Amino acid sequence: MAGTYAQGEGRAQLRLVLGPVGPDAYRAIGTQDGTHGTDGGGCEQEIGDEPVVAPDKAVVRGEESTYEGTFVQVNPGTGGTCRYLAYDVTLDVVDGNTVRLRPEELDQCLAYRRVS
């Protein structure tokens, strides 16, 4: 399941990077069109209703096809800065090339296709 997934094209493309951090856990970081890569460590968290979490602690855990945990979306800010939002999510593995991300706070489900 580890790898890079994308949804959309061009400047509107959203990327999801899943990096293994254990036998049943993956770091789940998103970025828009690769603008700031996937390291939110130098970014400031936007606080609202989302969970308070450091980007390196954003992990989804589970087995087989369903994982639950925290996803971090890194967004470009002004003047070369960046901010991130954190969401409690369920991640469903549809097949070897597709995952579906369902944030608890939003009434939508985003499908991502593997790009690497």
PDB file of N, CA and C in Angstrom:
ATOM      1  N   MET A   1       0.810  -1.192   0.000  1.00  0.00           N
ATOM      2  CA  MET A   1       0.000   0.000   0.000  1.00  0.00           C
ATOM      3  C   MET A   1       0.859   1.265   0.000  1.00  0.00           C
ATOM      4  N   ALA A   2       2.091   1.192   0.490  1.00  0.00           N
ATOM      5  CA  ALA A   2       2.945   2.375   0.523  1.00  0.00           C
ATOM      6  C   ALA A   2       3.153   2.915  -0.885  1.00  0.00           C
ATOM      7  N   GLY A   3       3.231   4.235  -1.013  1.00  0.00           N
ATOM      8  CA  GLY A   3       3.471   4.846  -2.308  1.00  0.00           C
ATOM      9  C   GLY A   3       2.841   6.221  -2.392  1.00  0.00           C
ATOM     10  N   THR A   4       2.877   6.771  -3.610  1.00  0.00           N
ATOM     11  CA  THR A   4       2.295   8.076  -3.881  1.00  0.00           C
ATOM     12  C   THR A   4       1.063   7.891  -4.746  1.00  0.00           C
ATOM     13  N   TYR A   5      -0.012   8.558  -4.358  1.00  0.00           N
ATOM     14  CA  TYR A   5      -1.288   8.489  -5.058  1.00  0.00           C
ATOM     15  C   TYR A   5      -1.694   9.909  -5.438  1.00  0.00           C
ATOM     16  N   ALA A   6      -2.522  10.047  -6.473  1.00  0.00           N
ATOM     17  CA  ALA A   6      -2.945  11.379  -6.899  1.00  0.00           C
ATOM     18  C   ALA A   6      -4.413  11.370  -7.292  1.00  0.00           C
ATOM     19  N   GLN A   7      -4.994  12.562  -7.191  1.00  0.00           N
ATOM     20  CA  GLN A   7      -6.371  12.801  -7.626  1.00  0.00           C
ATOM     21  C   GLN A   7      -6.367  14.113  -8.383  1.00  0.00           C
ATOM     22  N   GLY A   8      -6.981  14.152  -9.563  1.00  0.00           N
ATOM     23  CA  GLY A   8      -7.024  15.373 -10.353  1.00  0.00           C
ATOM     24  C   GLY A   8      -5.773  15.543 -11.190  1.00  0.00           C
ATOM     25  N   GLU A   9      -5.660  16.723 -11.840  1.00  0.00           N
ATOM     26  CA  GLU A   9      -4.533  16.995 -12.728  1.00  0.00           C
ATOM     27  C   GLU A   9      -4.035  18.417 -12.552  1.00  0.00           C
ATOM     28  N   GLY A  10      -2.811  18.667 -13.019  1.00  0.00           N
ATOM     29  CA  GLY A  10      -2.237  20.013 -13.035  1.00  0.00           C
ATOM     30  C   GLY A  10      -2.196  20.666 -11.671  1.00  0.00           C
ATOM     31  N   ARG A  11      -2.505  21.969 -11.640  1.00  0.00           N
ATOM     32  CA  ARG A  11      -2.446  22.742 -10.395  1.00  0.00           C
ATOM     33  C   ARG A  11      -3.495  22.303  -9.388  1.00  0.00           C
ATOM     34  N   ALA A  12      -4.532  21.611  -9.857  1.00  0.00           N
ATOM     35  CA  ALA A  12      -5.599  21.164  -8.958  1.00  0.00           C
ATOM     36  C   ALA A  12      -5.331  19.762  -8.416  1.00  0.00           C
ATOM     37  N   GLN A  13      -4.203  19.180  -8.790  1.00  0.00           N
ATOM     38  CA  GLN A  13      -3.926  17.811  -8.360  1.00  0.00           C
ATOM     39  C   GLN A  13      -3.629  17.737  -6.864  1.00  0.00           C
ATOM     40  N   LEU A  14      -4.243  16.771  -6.210  1.00  0.00           N
ATOM     41  CA  LEU A  14      -3.962  16.479  -4.810  1.00  0.00           C
ATOM     42  C   LEU A  14      -3.149  15.199  -4.766  1.00  0.00           C
ATOM     43  N   ARG A  15      -2.100  15.187  -3.962  1.00  0.00           N
ATOM     44  CA  ARG A  15      -1.280  13.987  -3.815  1.00  0.00           C
ATOM     45  C   ARG A  15      -1.403  13.453  -2.395  1.00  0.00           C
ATOM     46  N   LEU A  16      -1.364  12.154  -2.295  1.00  0.00           N
ATOM     47  CA  LEU A  16      -1.410  11.456  -1.016  1.00  0.00           C
ATOM     48  C   LEU A  16      -0.201  10.546  -0.969  1.00  0.00           C
ATOM     49  N   VAL A  17       0.637  10.728   0.048  1.00  0.00           N
ATOM     50  CA  VAL A  17       1.820   9.887   0.199  1.00  0.00           C
ATOM     51  C   VAL A  17       1.631   9.032   1.444  1.00  0.00           C
ATOM     52  N   LEU A  18       1.736   7.728   1.257  1.00  0.00           N
ATOM     53  CA  LEU A  18       1.627   6.770   2.357  1.00  0.00           C
ATOM     54  C   LEU A  18       2.979   6.124   2.560  1.00  0.00           C
ATOM     55  N   GLY A  19       3.594   6.405   3.696  1.00  0.00           N
ATOM     56  CA  GLY A  19       4.906   5.842   4.022  1.00  0.00           C
ATOM     57  C   GLY A  19       4.790   4.904   5.198  1.00  0.00           C
ATOM     58  N   PRO A  20       5.366   3.702   5.108  1.00  0.00           N
ATOM     59  CA  PRO A  20       5.244   2.745   6.203  1.00  0.00           C
ATOM     60  C   PRO A  20       5.987   3.207   7.461  1.00  0.00           C
ATOM     61  N   VAL A  21       5.329   3.032   8.620  1.00  0.00           N
ATOM     62  CA  VAL A  21       5.958   3.341   9.910  1.00  0.00           C
ATOM     63  C   VAL A  21       5.812   2.167  10.871  1.00  0.00           C
ATOM     64  N   GLY A  22       5.388   1.035  10.362  1.00  0.00           N
ATOM     65  CA  GLY A  22       5.212  -0.169  11.163  1.00  0.00           C
ATOM     66  C   GLY A  22       4.504  -1.221  10.337  1.00  0.00           C
ATOM     67  N   PRO A  23       4.325  -2.404  10.884  1.00  0.00           N
ATOM     68  CA  PRO A  23       3.705  -3.479  10.116  1.00  0.00           C
ATOM     69  C   PRO A  23       2.248  -3.225   9.739  1.00  0.00           C
ATOM     70  N   ASP A  24       1.553  -2.407  10.485  1.00  0.00           N
ATOM     71  CA  ASP A  24       0.145  -2.138  10.190  1.00  0.00           C
ATOM     72  C   ASP A  24      -0.160  -0.641  10.210  1.00  0.00           C
ATOM     73  N   ALA A  25       0.874   0.198   9.961  1.00  0.00           N
ATOM     74  CA  ALA A  25       0.699   1.644  10.064  1.00  0.00           C
ATOM     75  C   ALA A  25       1.422   2.377   8.938  1.00  0.00           C
ATOM     76  N   TYR A  26       0.793   3.473   8.497  1.00  0.00           N
ATOM     77  CA  TYR A  26       1.350   4.297   7.430  1.00  0.00           C
ATOM     78  C   TYR A  26       1.212   5.764   7.794  1.00  0.00           C
ATOM     79  N   ARG A  27       2.269   6.554   7.517  1.00  0.00           N
ATOM     80  CA  ARG A  27       2.174   8.003   7.665  1.00  0.00           C
ATOM     81  C   ARG A  27       1.361   8.493   6.469  1.00  0.00           C
ATOM     82  N   ALA A  28       0.356   9.315   6.695  1.00  0.00           N
ATOM     83  CA  ALA A  28      -0.552   9.772   5.647  1.00  0.00           C
ATOM     84  C   ALA A  28      -0.455  11.289   5.507  1.00  0.00           C
ATOM     85  N   ILE A  29       0.235  11.735   4.450  1.00  0.00           N
ATOM     86  CA  ILE A  29       0.451  13.159   4.226  1.00  0.00           C
ATOM     87  C   ILE A  29      -0.039  13.519   2.829  1.00  0.00           C
ATOM     88  N   GLY A  30      -0.761  14.626   2.719  1.00  0.00           N
ATOM     89  CA  GLY A  30      -1.253  15.107   1.432  1.00  0.00           C
ATOM     90  C   GLY A  30      -0.637  16.438   1.088  1.00  0.00           C
ATOM     91  N   THR A  31      -0.562  16.725  -0.207  1.00  0.00           N
ATOM     92  CA  THR A  31      -0.054  18.000  -0.671  1.00  0.00           C
ATOM     93  C   THR A  31      -0.753  18.355  -1.973  1.00  0.00           C
ATOM     94  N   GLN A  32      -0.818  19.637  -2.279  1.00  0.00           N
ATOM     95  CA  GLN A  32      -1.435  20.050  -3.523  1.00  0.00           C
ATOM     96  C   GLN A  32      -0.366  20.257  -4.570  1.00  0.00           C
ATOM     97  N   ASP A  33      -0.427  19.555  -5.655  1.00  0.00           N
ATOM     98  CA  ASP A  33       0.473  19.610  -6.814  1.00  0.00           C
ATOM     99  C   ASP A  33       1.957  19.608  -6.435  1.00  0.00           C
ATOM    100  N   GLY A  34       2.307  19.029  -5.289  1.00  0.00           N
ATOM    101  CA  GLY A  34       3.706  18.896  -4.895  1.00  0.00           C
ATOM    102  C   GLY A  34       4.373  20.190  -4.493  1.00  0.00           C
ATOM    103  N   THR A  35       3.628  21.272  -4.274  1.00  0.00           N
ATOM    104  CA  THR A  35       4.198  22.582  -4.001  1.00  0.00           C
ATOM    105  C   THR A  35       5.176  22.572  -2.823  1.00  0.00           C
ATOM    106  N   HIS A  36       4.829  21.922  -1.745  1.00  0.00           N
ATOM    107  CA  HIS A  36       5.701  21.893  -0.572  1.00  0.00           C
ATOM    108  C   HIS A  36       6.143  20.481  -0.233  1.00  0.00           C
ATOM    109  N   GLY A  37       6.107  19.582  -1.189  1.00  0.00           N
ATOM    110  CA  GLY A  37       6.488  18.215  -0.882  1.00  0.00           C
ATOM    111  C   GLY A  37       5.562  17.638   0.169  1.00  0.00           C
ATOM    112  N   THR A  38       6.068  16.732   0.948  1.00  0.00           N
ATOM    113  CA  THR A  38       5.213  16.093   1.949  1.00  0.00           C
ATOM    114  C   THR A  38       5.755  16.252   3.356  1.00  0.00           C
ATOM    115  N   ASP A  39       6.657  17.198   3.563  1.00  0.00           N
ATOM    116  CA  ASP A  39       7.179  17.423   4.905  1.00  0.00           C
ATOM    117  C   ASP A  39       6.504  18.647   5.508  1.00  0.00           C
ATOM    118  N   GLY A  40       5.546  18.399   6.384  1.00  0.00           N
ATOM    119  CA  GLY A  40       4.859  19.505   7.044  1.00  0.00           C
ATOM    120  C   GLY A  40       5.581  19.980   8.284  1.00  0.00           C
ATOM    121  N   GLY A  41       6.767  19.434   8.568  1.00  0.00           N
ATOM    122  CA  GLY A  41       7.493  19.760   9.790  1.00  0.00           C
ATOM    123  C   GLY A  41       7.787  21.226   9.971  1.00  0.00           C
ATOM    124  N   GLY A  42       7.985  21.968   8.882  1.00  0.00           N
ATOM    125  CA  GLY A  42       8.274  23.392   8.985  1.00  0.00           C
ATOM    126  C   GLY A  42       7.051  24.259   8.825  1.00  0.00           C
ATOM    127  N   CYS A  43       5.873  23.642   8.816  1.00  0.00           N
ATOM    128  CA  CYS A  43       4.621  24.374   8.611  1.00  0.00           C
ATOM    129  C   CYS A  43       3.921  24.626   9.942  1.00  0.00           C
ATOM    130  N   GLU A  44       3.024  25.589   9.914  1.00  0.00           N
ATOM    131  CA  GLU A  44       2.212  25.890  11.089  1.00  0.00           C
ATOM    132  C   GLU A  44       0.853  25.224  10.916  1.00  0.00           C
ATOM    133  N   GLN A  45       0.322  24.657  11.991  1.00  0.00           N
ATOM    134  CA  GLN A  45      -0.989  24.010  11.901  1.00  0.00           C
ATOM    135  C   GLN A  45      -2.095  25.044  11.992  1.00  0.00           C
ATOM    136  N   GLU A  46      -3.062  24.930  11.083  1.00  0.00           N
ATOM    137  CA  GLU A  46      -4.264  25.745  11.163  1.00  0.00           C
ATOM    138  C   GLU A  46      -5.184  25.079  12.166  1.00  0.00           C
ATOM    139  N   ILE A  47      -5.545  25.794  13.197  1.00  0.00           N
ATOM    140  CA  ILE A  47      -6.373  25.216  14.249  1.00  0.00           C
ATOM    141  C   ILE A  47      -7.824  25.608  14.033  1.00  0.00           C
ATOM    142  N   GLY A  48      -8.674  24.619  14.057  1.00  0.00           N
ATOM    143  CA  GLY A  48     -10.118  24.821  13.938  1.00  0.00           C
ATOM    144  C   GLY A  48     -10.745  23.660  14.663  1.00  0.00           C
ATOM    145  N   ASP A  49     -11.548  22.908  13.971  1.00  0.00           N
ATOM    146  CA  ASP A  49     -12.157  21.721  14.564  1.00  0.00           C
ATOM    147  C   ASP A  49     -11.300  20.483  14.375  1.00  0.00           C
ATOM    148  N   GLU A  50     -10.207  20.632  13.627  1.00  0.00           N
ATOM    149  CA  GLU A  50      -9.387  19.456  13.342  1.00  0.00           C
ATOM    150  C   GLU A  50      -8.559  19.039  14.550  1.00  0.00           C
ATOM    151  N   PRO A  51      -8.107  17.776  14.560  1.00  0.00           N
ATOM    152  CA  PRO A  51      -7.271  17.304  15.674  1.00  0.00           C
ATOM    153  C   PRO A  51      -5.938  18.056  15.717  1.00  0.00           C
ATOM    154  N   VAL A  52      -5.401  18.232  16.889  1.00  0.00           N
ATOM    155  CA  VAL A  52      -4.083  18.832  17.046  1.00  0.00           C
ATOM    156  C   VAL A  52      -3.068  17.698  16.985  1.00  0.00           C
ATOM    157  N   VAL A  53      -2.202  17.753  15.960  1.00  0.00           N
ATOM    158  CA  VAL A  53      -1.233  16.684  15.758  1.00  0.00           C
ATOM    159  C   VAL A  53      -0.027  17.234  15.007  1.00  0.00           C
ATOM    160  N   ALA A  54       1.145  16.764  15.367  1.00  0.00           N
ATOM    161  CA  ALA A  54       2.355  17.108  14.618  1.00  0.00           C
ATOM    162  C   ALA A  54       2.355  16.294  13.331  1.00  0.00           C
ATOM    163  N   PRO A  55       2.843  16.858  12.218  1.00  0.00           N
ATOM    164  CA  PRO A  55       2.817  16.133  10.948  1.00  0.00           C
ATOM    165  C   PRO A  55       3.463  14.749  11.000  1.00  0.00           C
ATOM    166  N   ASP A  56       4.521  14.591  11.781  1.00  0.00           N
ATOM    167  CA  ASP A  56       5.183  13.284  11.831  1.00  0.00           C
ATOM    168  C   ASP A  56       4.409  12.266  12.667  1.00  0.00           C
ATOM    169  N   LYS A  57       3.340  12.695  13.305  1.00  0.00           N
ATOM    170  CA  LYS A  57       2.491  11.784  14.089  1.00  0.00           C
ATOM    171  C   LYS A  57       1.201  11.434  13.356  1.00  0.00           C
ATOM    172  N   ALA A  58       1.049  11.918  12.127  1.00  0.00           N
ATOM    173  CA  ALA A  58      -0.157  11.635  11.336  1.00  0.00           C
ATOM    174  C   ALA A  58      -0.042  10.220  10.775  1.00  0.00           C
ATOM    175  N   VAL A  59      -0.721   9.298  11.415  1.00  0.00           N
ATOM    176  CA  VAL A  59      -0.595   7.882  11.065  1.00  0.00           C
ATOM    177  C   VAL A  59      -1.980   7.252  10.965  1.00  0.00           C
ATOM    178  N   VAL A  60      -2.142   6.364   9.974  1.00  0.00           N
ATOM    179  CA  VAL A  60      -3.343   5.541   9.891  1.00  0.00           C
ATOM    180  C   VAL A  60      -2.921   4.106  10.189  1.00  0.00           C
ATOM    181  N   ARG A  61      -3.753   3.406  10.969  1.00  0.00           N
ATOM    182  CA  ARG A  61      -3.461   2.022  11.360  1.00  0.00           C
ATOM    183  C   ARG A  61      -4.639   1.137  11.006  1.00  0.00           C
ATOM    184  N   GLY A  62      -4.327  -0.110  10.688  1.00  0.00           N
ATOM    185  CA  GLY A  62      -5.392  -1.050  10.392  1.00  0.00           C
ATOM    186  C   GLY A  62      -4.863  -2.344   9.834  1.00  0.00           C
ATOM    187  N   GLU A  63      -5.745  -3.088   9.215  1.00  0.00           N
ATOM    188  CA  GLU A  63      -5.389  -4.370   8.645  1.00  0.00           C
ATOM    189  C   GLU A  63      -6.099  -4.552   7.320  1.00  0.00           C
ATOM    190  N   GLU A  64      -5.459  -5.238   6.420  1.00  0.00           N
ATOM    191  CA  GLU A  64      -6.019  -5.618   5.127  1.00  0.00           C
ATOM    192  C   GLU A  64      -6.493  -4.435   4.311  1.00  0.00           C
ATOM    193  N   SER A  65      -7.770  -4.044   4.421  1.00  0.00           N
ATOM    194  CA  SER A  65      -8.271  -3.019   3.514  1.00  0.00           C
ATOM    195  C   SER A  65      -8.822  -1.770   4.191  1.00  0.00           C
ATOM    196  N   THR A  66      -8.844  -1.700   5.510  1.00  0.00           N
ATOM    197  CA  THR A  66      -9.370  -0.519   6.193  1.00  0.00           C
ATOM    198  C   THR A  66      -8.391  -0.036   7.257  1.00  0.00           C
ATOM    199  N   TYR A  67      -8.066   1.262   7.181  1.00  0.00           N
ATOM    200  CA  TYR A  67      -7.148   1.889   8.118  1.00  0.00           C
ATOM    201  C   TYR A  67      -7.815   3.140   8.675  1.00  0.00           C
ATOM    202  N   GLU A  68      -7.568   3.442   9.939  1.00  0.00           N
ATOM    203  CA  GLU A  68      -8.127   4.639  10.563  1.00  0.00           C
ATOM    204  C   GLU A  68      -7.028   5.397  11.284  1.00  0.00           C
ATOM    205  N   GLY A  69      -7.169   6.710  11.341  1.00  0.00           N
ATOM    206  CA  GLY A  69      -6.182   7.517  12.039  1.00  0.00           C
ATOM    207  C   GLY A  69      -6.252   8.955  11.596  1.00  0.00           C
ATOM    208  N   THR A  70      -5.086   9.603  11.525  1.00  0.00           N
ATOM    209  CA  THR A  70      -5.015  11.027  11.219  1.00  0.00           C
ATOM    210  C   THR A  70      -4.239  11.259   9.925  1.00  0.00           C
ATOM    211  N   PHE A  71      -4.793  12.129   9.096  1.00  0.00           N
ATOM    212  CA  PHE A  71      -4.217  12.522   7.814  1.00  0.00           C
ATOM    213  C   PHE A  71      -3.883  14.001   7.907  1.00  0.00           C
ATOM    214  N   VAL A  72      -2.749  14.417   7.348  1.00  0.00           N
ATOM    215  CA  VAL A  72      -2.356  15.819   7.341  1.00  0.00           C
ATOM    216  C   VAL A  72      -2.268  16.301   5.903  1.00  0.00           C
ATOM    217  N   GLN A  73      -2.945  17.422   5.615  1.00  0.00           N
ATOM    218  CA  GLN A  73      -2.888  18.058   4.296  1.00  0.00           C
ATOM    219  C   GLN A  73      -2.010  19.294   4.401  1.00  0.00           C
ATOM    220  N   VAL A  74      -0.866  19.309   3.683  1.00  0.00           N
ATOM    221  CA  VAL A  74       0.055  20.443   3.688  1.00  0.00           C
ATOM    222  C   VAL A  74      -0.364  21.407   2.577  1.00  0.00           C
ATOM    223  N   ASN A  75      -0.548  22.671   2.927  1.00  0.00           N
ATOM    224  CA  ASN A  75      -1.001  23.679   1.966  1.00  0.00           C
ATOM    225  C   ASN A  75      -0.007  24.828   1.872  1.00  0.00           C
ATOM    226  N   PRO A  76       0.217  25.353   0.655  1.00  0.00           N
ATOM    227  CA  PRO A  76       1.117  26.507   0.529  1.00  0.00           C
ATOM    228  C   PRO A  76       0.492  27.732   1.169  1.00  0.00           C
ATOM    229  N   GLY A  77       1.340  28.548   1.784  1.00  0.00           N
ATOM    230  CA  GLY A  77       0.888  29.812   2.367  1.00  0.00           C
ATOM    231  C   GLY A  77       1.451  30.958   1.550  1.00  0.00           C
ATOM    232  N   THR A  78       1.523  32.129   2.135  1.00  0.00           N
ATOM    233  CA  THR A  78       2.082  33.283   1.435  1.00  0.00           C
ATOM    234  C   THR A  78       3.557  33.422   1.755  1.00  0.00           C
ATOM    235  N   GLY A  79       4.311  33.991   0.827  1.00  0.00           N
ATOM    236  CA  GLY A  79       5.728  34.256   1.065  1.00  0.00           C
ATOM    237  C   GLY A  79       6.552  33.015   1.320  1.00  0.00           C
ATOM    238  N   GLY A  80       6.208  31.895   0.675  1.00  0.00           N
ATOM    239  CA  GLY A  80       6.989  30.672   0.822  1.00  0.00           C
ATOM    240  C   GLY A  80       6.691  29.897   2.092  1.00  0.00           C
ATOM    241  N   THR A  81       5.693  30.304   2.840  1.00  0.00           N
ATOM    242  CA  THR A  81       5.326  29.585   4.061  1.00  0.00           C
ATOM    243  C   THR A  81       4.355  28.451   3.721  1.00  0.00           C
ATOM    244  N   CYS A  82       4.063  27.632   4.694  1.00  0.00           N
ATOM    245  CA  CYS A  82       3.069  26.578   4.497  1.00  0.00           C
ATOM    246  C   CYS A  82       2.290  26.369   5.793  1.00  0.00           C
ATOM    247  N   ARG A  83       1.104  25.820   5.635  1.00  0.00           N
ATOM    248  CA  ARG A  83       0.229  25.513   6.766  1.00  0.00           C
ATOM    249  C   ARG A  83      -0.299  24.115   6.543  1.00  0.00           C
ATOM    250  N   TYR A  84      -0.798  23.492   7.597  1.00  0.00           N
ATOM    251  CA  TYR A  84      -1.400  22.178   7.392  1.00  0.00           C
ATOM    252  C   TYR A  84      -2.673  22.023   8.202  1.00  0.00           C
ATOM    253  N   LEU A  85      -3.540  21.170   7.668  1.00  0.00           N
ATOM    254  CA  LEU A  85      -4.793  20.801   8.309  1.00  0.00           C
ATOM    255  C   LEU A  85      -4.712  19.324   8.653  1.00  0.00           C
ATOM    256  N   ALA A  86      -5.284  18.939   9.769  1.00  0.00           N
ATOM    257  CA  ALA A  86      -5.303  17.530  10.181  1.00  0.00           C
ATOM    258  C   ALA A  86      -6.744  17.049  10.214  1.00  0.00           C
ATOM    259  N   TYR A  87      -6.942  15.818   9.768  1.00  0.00           N
ATOM    260  CA  TYR A  87      -8.281  15.229   9.742  1.00  0.00           C
ATOM    261  C   TYR A  87      -8.241  13.814  10.293  1.00  0.00           C
ATOM    262  N   ASP A  88      -9.249  13.438  11.065  1.00  0.00           N
ATOM    263  CA  ASP A  88      -9.441  12.035  11.408  1.00  0.00           C
ATOM    264  C   ASP A  88     -10.076  11.387  10.186  1.00  0.00           C
ATOM    265  N   VAL A  89      -9.499  10.285   9.725  1.00  0.00           N
ATOM    266  CA  VAL A  89      -9.953   9.680   8.470  1.00  0.00           C
ATOM    267  C   VAL A  89     -10.058   8.164   8.572  1.00  0.00           C
ATOM    268  N   THR A  90     -10.792   7.620   7.608  1.00  0.00           N
ATOM    269  CA  THR A  90     -10.780   6.194   7.319  1.00  0.00           C
ATOM    270  C   THR A  90     -10.209   6.064   5.921  1.00  0.00           C
ATOM    271  N   LEU A  91      -9.263   5.164   5.745  1.00  0.00           N
ATOM    272  CA  LEU A  91      -8.641   4.924   4.449  1.00  0.00           C
ATOM    273  C   LEU A  91      -8.999   3.512   4.020  1.00  0.00           C
ATOM    274  N   ASP A  92      -9.670   3.395   2.883  1.00  0.00           N
ATOM    275  CA  ASP A  92     -10.055   2.086   2.351  1.00  0.00           C
ATOM    276  C   ASP A  92      -9.182   1.763   1.152  1.00  0.00           C
ATOM    277  N   VAL A  93      -8.635   0.555   1.132  1.00  0.00           N
ATOM    278  CA  VAL A  93      -7.870   0.093  -0.013  1.00  0.00           C
ATOM    279  C   VAL A  93      -8.863  -0.561  -0.963  1.00  0.00           C
ATOM    280  N   VAL A  94      -9.056   0.047  -2.125  1.00  0.00           N
ATOM    281  CA  VAL A  94     -10.008  -0.465  -3.110  1.00  0.00           C
ATOM    282  C   VAL A  94      -9.378  -1.621  -3.879  1.00  0.00           C
ATOM    283  N   ASP A  95      -8.147  -1.393  -4.365  1.00  0.00           N
ATOM    284  CA  ASP A  95      -7.369  -2.426  -5.046  1.00  0.00           C
ATOM    285  C   ASP A  95      -5.903  -2.026  -4.953  1.00  0.00           C
ATOM    286  N   GLY A  96      -5.028  -2.697  -5.671  1.00  0.00           N
ATOM    287  CA  GLY A  96      -3.599  -2.406  -5.578  1.00  0.00           C
ATOM    288  C   GLY A  96      -3.192  -1.032  -6.052  1.00  0.00           C
ATOM    289  N   ASN A  97      -4.070  -0.346  -6.781  1.00  0.00           N
ATOM    290  CA  ASN A  97      -3.741   0.966  -7.330  1.00  0.00           C
ATOM    291  C   ASN A  97      -4.655   2.096  -6.881  1.00  0.00           C
ATOM    292  N   THR A  98      -5.653   1.807  -6.062  1.00  0.00           N
ATOM    293  CA  THR A  98      -6.625   2.829  -5.668  1.00  0.00           C
ATOM    294  C   THR A  98      -6.908   2.766  -4.171  1.00  0.00           C
ATOM    295  N   VAL A  99      -6.894   3.947  -3.533  1.00  0.00           N
ATOM    296  CA  VAL A  99      -7.318   4.056  -2.134  1.00  0.00           C
ATOM    297  C   VAL A  99      -8.376   5.146  -2.063  1.00  0.00           C
ATOM    298  N   ARG A 100      -9.242   5.035  -1.069  1.00  0.00           N
ATOM    299  CA  ARG A 100     -10.308   6.007  -0.856  1.00  0.00           C
ATOM    300  C   ARG A 100     -10.129   6.599   0.534  1.00  0.00           C
ATOM    301  N   LEU A 101     -10.099   7.917   0.624  1.00  0.00           N
ATOM    302  CA  LEU A 101      -9.903   8.631   1.885  1.00  0.00           C
ATOM    303  C   LEU A 101     -11.227   9.267   2.283  1.00  0.00           C
ATOM    304  N   ARG A 102     -11.689   8.958   3.514  1.00  0.00           N
ATOM    305  CA  ARG A 102     -12.963   9.503   4.006  1.00  0.00           C
ATOM    306  C   ARG A 102     -12.724  10.288   5.292  1.00  0.00           C
ATOM    307  N   PRO A 103     -12.594  11.631   5.200  1.00  0.00           N
ATOM    308  CA  PRO A 103     -12.461  12.437   6.419  1.00  0.00           C
ATOM    309  C   PRO A 103     -13.761  12.407   7.209  1.00  0.00           C
ATOM    310  N   GLU A 104     -13.664  12.270   8.526  1.00  0.00           N
ATOM    311  CA  GLU A 104     -14.856  12.224   9.371  1.00  0.00           C
ATOM    312  C   GLU A 104     -15.628  13.541   9.351  1.00  0.00           C
ATOM    313  N   GLU A 105     -14.920  14.677   9.214  1.00  0.00           N
ATOM    314  CA  GLU A 105     -15.567  15.977   9.286  1.00  0.00           C
ATOM    315  C   GLU A 105     -16.254  16.376   7.983  1.00  0.00           C
ATOM    316  N   LEU A 106     -15.947  15.709   6.884  1.00  0.00           N
ATOM    317  CA  LEU A 106     -16.479  16.099   5.582  1.00  0.00           C
ATOM    318  C   LEU A 106     -17.403  15.018   5.028  1.00  0.00           C
ATOM    319  N   ASP A 107     -18.388  15.446   4.263  1.00  0.00           N
ATOM    320  CA  ASP A 107     -19.315  14.504   3.648  1.00  0.00           C
ATOM    321  C   ASP A 107     -18.852  14.122   2.249  1.00  0.00           C
ATOM    322  N   GLN A 108     -17.597  13.789   2.114  1.00  0.00           N
ATOM    323  CA  GLN A 108     -17.097  13.394   0.813  1.00  0.00           C
ATOM    324  C   GLN A 108     -16.058  12.294   0.968  1.00  0.00           C
ATOM    325  N   CYS A 109     -15.863  11.589  -0.099  1.00  0.00           N
ATOM    326  CA  CYS A 109     -14.895  10.508  -0.140  1.00  0.00           C
ATOM    327  C   CYS A 109     -14.000  10.771  -1.344  1.00  0.00           C
ATOM    328  N   LEU A 110     -12.681  10.846  -1.139  1.00  0.00           N
ATOM    329  CA  LEU A 110     -11.756  11.140  -2.221  1.00  0.00           C
ATOM    330  C   LEU A 110     -11.023   9.877  -2.651  1.00  0.00           C
ATOM    331  N   ALA A 111     -11.088   9.568  -3.938  1.00  0.00           N
ATOM    332  CA  ALA A 111     -10.381   8.408  -4.480  1.00  0.00           C
ATOM    333  C   ALA A 111      -9.056   8.857  -5.073  1.00  0.00           C
ATOM    334  N   TYR A 112      -7.994   8.155  -4.741  1.00  0.00           N
ATOM    335  CA  TYR A 112      -6.655   8.458  -5.233  1.00  0.00           C
ATOM    336  C   TYR A 112      -6.125   7.247  -5.999  1.00  0.00           C
ATOM    337  N   ARG A 113      -5.453   7.499  -7.140  1.00  0.00           N
ATOM    338  CA  ARG A 113      -4.846   6.451  -7.949  1.00  0.00           C
ATOM    339  C   ARG A 113      -3.333   6.482  -7.773  1.00  0.00           C
ATOM    340  N   ARG A 114      -2.718   5.313  -7.732  1.00  0.00           N
ATOM    341  CA  ARG A 114      -1.264   5.214  -7.545  1.00  0.00           C
ATOM    342  C   ARG A 114      -0.521   5.846  -8.722  1.00  0.00           C
ATOM    343  N   VAL A 115       0.506   6.657  -8.399  1.00  0.00           N
ATOM    344  CA  VAL A 115       1.382   7.210  -9.416  1.00  0.00           C
ATOM    345  C   VAL A 115       2.811   6.702  -9.270  1.00  0.00           C
ATOM    346  N   SER A 116       3.156   6.183  -8.100  1.00  0.00           N
ATOM    347  CA  SER A 116       4.475   5.549  -7.907  1.00  0.00           C
ATOM    348  C   SER A 116       4.475   4.686  -6.671  1.00  0.00           C
TER     349      SER A 116
END
